[in-house]
Amino acid sequence: MAFAITRKFGNAVARNRRRRQLRAIMYELAPVLPSGAFLLAIRDGGPELSYDELRDSLSQALHRAIPGWQDQGSDVTTTQGVQS
């Protein structure tokens, strides 16, 4: 798993905080994700998302990226209207 977070996202503190949050979410989802490598690209416009909004957005992105993937067994839920 790798993270590409542009400088447009924010300063080093903001980028590292988001990286830690993404790592925690991916570890939470690891038991239900298919094996493979993941590269998460984060651009500007995301610093204002809360942890829960980020988790929901990432879950939605994984549903679009991995055909047939279901996040069964995790407490990740998706909501409508959250942009990823």
N, C-alpha and C. Protein backbone atom coordinates (compact mmCIF):
# COMPACT_ATOMS: atom_id res chain seq x y z
N MET A 1 0.85 -1.15 0.00
CA MET A 1 0.00 0.00 0.00
C MET A 1 0.91 1.23 0.00
N ALA A 2 0.58 2.15 -0.86
CA ALA A 2 1.38 3.38 -0.97
C ALA A 2 0.42 4.57 -1.09
N PHE A 3 0.91 5.72 -0.66
CA PHE A 3 0.11 6.94 -0.68
C PHE A 3 0.87 8.01 -1.43
N ALA A 4 0.19 8.67 -2.36
CA ALA A 4 0.75 9.80 -3.09
C ALA A 4 -0.11 11.01 -2.74
N ILE A 5 0.43 11.88 -1.92
CA ILE A 5 -0.31 13.06 -1.46
C ILE A 5 0.43 14.29 -1.94
N THR A 6 -0.22 15.07 -2.80
CA THR A 6 0.44 16.23 -3.39
C THR A 6 0.62 17.35 -2.37
N ARG A 7 1.54 18.24 -2.65
CA ARG A 7 1.78 19.38 -1.76
C ARG A 7 0.60 20.35 -1.76
N LYS A 8 -0.22 20.29 -2.80
CA LYS A 8 -1.41 21.14 -2.84
C LYS A 8 -2.38 20.77 -1.72
N PHE A 9 -2.25 19.57 -1.20
CA PHE A 9 -3.13 19.12 -0.11
C PHE A 9 -2.92 19.96 1.15
N GLY A 10 -1.68 20.30 1.42
CA GLY A 10 -1.39 21.08 2.62
C GLY A 10 0.07 20.94 3.01
N ASN A 11 0.39 21.43 4.18
CA ASN A 11 1.78 21.35 4.64
C ASN A 11 2.10 19.91 5.06
N ALA A 12 3.35 19.69 5.48
CA ALA A 12 3.80 18.33 5.82
C ALA A 12 2.99 17.74 6.96
N VAL A 13 2.61 18.56 7.92
CA VAL A 13 1.82 18.07 9.05
C VAL A 13 0.47 17.54 8.58
N ALA A 14 -0.20 18.29 7.72
CA ALA A 14 -1.50 17.86 7.19
C ALA A 14 -1.37 16.61 6.34
N ARG A 15 -0.34 16.56 5.49
CA ARG A 15 -0.14 15.38 4.64
C ARG A 15 0.15 14.14 5.47
N ASN A 16 1.00 14.28 6.49
CA ASN A 16 1.33 13.13 7.33
C ASN A 16 0.14 12.67 8.15
N ARG A 17 -0.66 13.62 8.63
CA ARG A 17 -1.86 13.25 9.38
C ARG A 17 -2.81 12.46 8.49
N ARG A 18 -3.00 12.91 7.25
CA ARG A 18 -3.89 12.21 6.32
C ARG A 18 -3.33 10.83 5.98
N ARG A 19 -2.02 10.74 5.82
CA ARG A 19 -1.37 9.46 5.54
C ARG A 19 -1.62 8.47 6.68
N ARG A 20 -1.50 8.93 7.92
CA ARG A 20 -1.77 8.06 9.07
C ARG A 20 -3.23 7.62 9.11
N GLN A 21 -4.13 8.54 8.79
CA GLN A 21 -5.55 8.19 8.78
C GLN A 21 -5.84 7.14 7.70
N LEU A 22 -5.27 7.35 6.51
CA LEU A 22 -5.48 6.39 5.42
C LEU A 22 -4.90 5.02 5.77
N ARG A 23 -3.74 5.01 6.37
CA ARG A 23 -3.12 3.75 6.78
C ARG A 23 -4.02 3.02 7.77
N ALA A 24 -4.59 3.73 8.73
CA ALA A 24 -5.47 3.12 9.72
C ALA A 24 -6.72 2.54 9.05
N ILE A 25 -7.28 3.27 8.11
CA ILE A 25 -8.47 2.78 7.41
C ILE A 25 -8.15 1.54 6.59
N MET A 26 -7.03 1.56 5.90
CA MET A 26 -6.65 0.41 5.07
C MET A 26 -6.38 -0.82 5.94
N TYR A 27 -5.76 -0.65 7.11
CA TYR A 27 -5.55 -1.78 8.01
C TYR A 27 -6.88 -2.32 8.53
N GLU A 28 -7.83 -1.43 8.75
CA GLU A 28 -9.16 -1.84 9.17
C GLU A 28 -9.84 -2.67 8.08
N LEU A 29 -9.62 -2.30 6.84
CA LEU A 29 -10.24 -3.00 5.72
C LEU A 29 -9.44 -4.20 5.23
N ALA A 30 -8.20 -4.35 5.66
CA ALA A 30 -7.31 -5.39 5.14
C ALA A 30 -7.90 -6.79 5.14
N PRO A 31 -8.61 -7.21 6.19
CA PRO A 31 -9.14 -8.57 6.17
C PRO A 31 -10.16 -8.85 5.05
N VAL A 32 -10.82 -7.81 4.56
CA VAL A 32 -11.85 -8.02 3.54
C VAL A 32 -11.43 -7.55 2.15
N LEU A 33 -10.23 -7.00 2.03
CA LEU A 33 -9.73 -6.57 0.72
C LEU A 33 -9.06 -7.73 0.00
N PRO A 34 -9.17 -7.76 -1.33
CA PRO A 34 -8.43 -8.78 -2.07
C PRO A 34 -6.93 -8.49 -1.98
N SER A 35 -6.13 -9.53 -2.11
CA SER A 35 -4.69 -9.32 -2.05
C SER A 35 -4.24 -8.53 -3.27
N GLY A 36 -3.19 -7.76 -3.10
CA GLY A 36 -2.68 -6.94 -4.20
C GLY A 36 -2.07 -5.67 -3.67
N ALA A 37 -1.59 -4.87 -4.59
CA ALA A 37 -0.97 -3.59 -4.22
C ALA A 37 -1.97 -2.47 -4.46
N PHE A 38 -1.95 -1.50 -3.58
CA PHE A 38 -2.85 -0.36 -3.69
C PHE A 38 -2.04 0.92 -3.66
N LEU A 39 -2.33 1.83 -4.57
CA LEU A 39 -1.75 3.16 -4.57
C LEU A 39 -2.90 4.15 -4.44
N LEU A 40 -2.89 4.90 -3.37
CA LEU A 40 -3.93 5.89 -3.13
C LEU A 40 -3.36 7.26 -3.44
N ALA A 41 -3.95 7.94 -4.42
CA ALA A 41 -3.51 9.28 -4.80
C ALA A 41 -4.47 10.29 -4.20
N ILE A 42 -3.92 11.19 -3.40
CA ILE A 42 -4.72 12.22 -2.73
C ILE A 42 -4.33 13.57 -3.30
N ARG A 43 -5.32 14.31 -3.75
CA ARG A 43 -5.06 15.63 -4.31
C ARG A 43 -5.63 16.69 -3.39
N ASP A 44 -5.56 17.92 -3.82
CA ASP A 44 -6.11 19.01 -3.02
C ASP A 44 -7.62 18.85 -2.89
N GLY A 45 -8.19 19.53 -1.93
CA GLY A 45 -9.63 19.49 -1.75
C GLY A 45 -10.10 18.49 -0.72
N GLY A 46 -9.21 17.77 -0.09
CA GLY A 46 -9.62 16.77 0.88
C GLY A 46 -9.30 17.06 2.33
N PRO A 47 -8.54 18.10 2.65
CA PRO A 47 -8.17 18.29 4.06
C PRO A 47 -9.35 18.52 4.99
N GLU A 48 -10.46 19.00 4.46
CA GLU A 48 -11.58 19.32 5.33
C GLU A 48 -12.44 18.11 5.68
N LEU A 49 -12.17 16.94 5.08
CA LEU A 49 -12.94 15.75 5.39
C LEU A 49 -12.61 15.23 6.78
N SER A 50 -13.64 14.84 7.53
CA SER A 50 -13.41 14.21 8.82
C SER A 50 -12.96 12.76 8.59
N TYR A 51 -12.53 12.11 9.65
CA TYR A 51 -12.07 10.72 9.54
C TYR A 51 -13.20 9.83 9.01
N ASP A 52 -14.41 10.00 9.54
CA ASP A 52 -15.54 9.18 9.09
C ASP A 52 -15.88 9.45 7.63
N GLU A 53 -15.85 10.71 7.22
CA GLU A 53 -16.11 11.05 5.81
C GLU A 53 -15.02 10.47 4.91
N LEU A 54 -13.78 10.52 5.37
CA LEU A 54 -12.68 9.95 4.60
C LEU A 54 -12.86 8.44 4.46
N ARG A 55 -13.22 7.77 5.55
CA ARG A 55 -13.44 6.33 5.52
C ARG A 55 -14.57 5.97 4.56
N ASP A 56 -15.66 6.70 4.59
CA ASP A 56 -16.78 6.45 3.68
C ASP A 56 -16.37 6.69 2.23
N SER A 57 -15.63 7.77 1.99
CA SER A 57 -15.19 8.10 0.64
C SER A 57 -14.23 7.03 0.10
N LEU A 58 -13.32 6.56 0.95
CA LEU A 58 -12.39 5.52 0.53
C LEU A 58 -13.13 4.22 0.24
N SER A 59 -14.11 3.90 1.05
CA SER A 59 -14.91 2.70 0.82
C SER A 59 -15.64 2.78 -0.53
N GLN A 60 -16.21 3.94 -0.83
CA GLN A 60 -16.87 4.12 -2.12
C GLN A 60 -15.89 3.99 -3.27
N ALA A 61 -14.69 4.55 -3.12
CA ALA A 61 -13.68 4.47 -4.18
C ALA A 61 -13.26 3.01 -4.40
N LEU A 62 -13.11 2.26 -3.32
CA LEU A 62 -12.75 0.85 -3.46
C LEU A 62 -13.86 0.05 -4.14
N HIS A 63 -15.11 0.37 -3.85
CA HIS A 63 -16.23 -0.29 -4.52
C HIS A 63 -16.18 -0.04 -6.03
N ARG A 64 -15.79 1.16 -6.43
CA ARG A 64 -15.70 1.48 -7.86
C ARG A 64 -14.47 0.83 -8.50
N ALA A 65 -13.38 0.73 -7.75
CA ALA A 65 -12.11 0.24 -8.31
C ALA A 65 -12.02 -1.28 -8.36
N ILE A 66 -12.69 -1.95 -7.44
CA ILE A 66 -12.58 -3.41 -7.34
C ILE A 66 -13.96 -4.00 -7.62
N PRO A 67 -14.17 -4.51 -8.83
CA PRO A 67 -15.48 -5.08 -9.18
C PRO A 67 -15.85 -6.23 -8.24
N GLY A 68 -17.05 -6.18 -7.72
CA GLY A 68 -17.55 -7.25 -6.87
C GLY A 68 -17.08 -7.21 -5.44
N TRP A 69 -16.29 -6.21 -5.06
CA TRP A 69 -15.79 -6.15 -3.68
C TRP A 69 -16.90 -5.72 -2.74
N GLN A 70 -17.00 -6.42 -1.65
CA GLN A 70 -17.96 -6.06 -0.60
C GLN A 70 -17.19 -5.91 0.69
N ASP A 71 -17.48 -4.90 1.47
CA ASP A 71 -16.77 -4.67 2.73
C ASP A 71 -17.49 -5.36 3.88
N GLN A 72 -17.91 -6.59 3.66
CA GLN A 72 -18.57 -7.36 4.71
C GLN A 72 -17.59 -7.66 5.83
N GLY A 73 -18.08 -7.61 7.04
CA GLY A 73 -17.24 -7.92 8.18
C GLY A 73 -16.52 -6.71 8.75
N SER A 74 -16.62 -5.57 8.10
CA SER A 74 -16.00 -4.37 8.66
C SER A 74 -17.10 -3.41 9.05
N ASP A 75 -16.74 -2.41 9.82
CA ASP A 75 -17.75 -1.44 10.23
C ASP A 75 -17.75 -0.22 9.32
N VAL A 76 -17.20 -0.36 8.13
CA VAL A 76 -17.17 0.74 7.17
C VAL A 76 -18.52 0.81 6.48
N THR A 77 -19.11 1.96 6.49
CA THR A 77 -20.39 2.16 5.81
C THR A 77 -20.21 3.23 4.76
N THR A 78 -21.07 3.20 3.77
CA THR A 78 -20.99 4.22 2.74
C THR A 78 -22.19 5.14 2.89
N THR A 79 -22.00 6.39 2.49
CA THR A 79 -23.07 7.36 2.51
C THR A 79 -23.15 8.00 1.14
N GLN A 80 -24.29 8.49 0.82
CA GLN A 80 -24.48 9.17 -0.46
C GLN A 80 -24.01 10.60 -0.33
N GLY A 81 -23.45 11.15 -1.41
CA GLY A 81 -23.10 12.55 -1.46
C GLY A 81 -21.67 12.87 -1.05
N VAL A 82 -20.89 11.89 -0.64
CA VAL A 82 -19.50 12.17 -0.27
C VAL A 82 -18.63 11.99 -1.51
N GLN A 83 -17.90 13.02 -1.85
CA GLN A 83 -17.05 12.99 -3.02
C GLN A 83 -15.72 12.36 -2.67
N SER A 84 -15.15 11.58 -3.59
CA SER A 84 -13.82 11.01 -3.34
C SER A 84 -12.83 11.57 -4.31
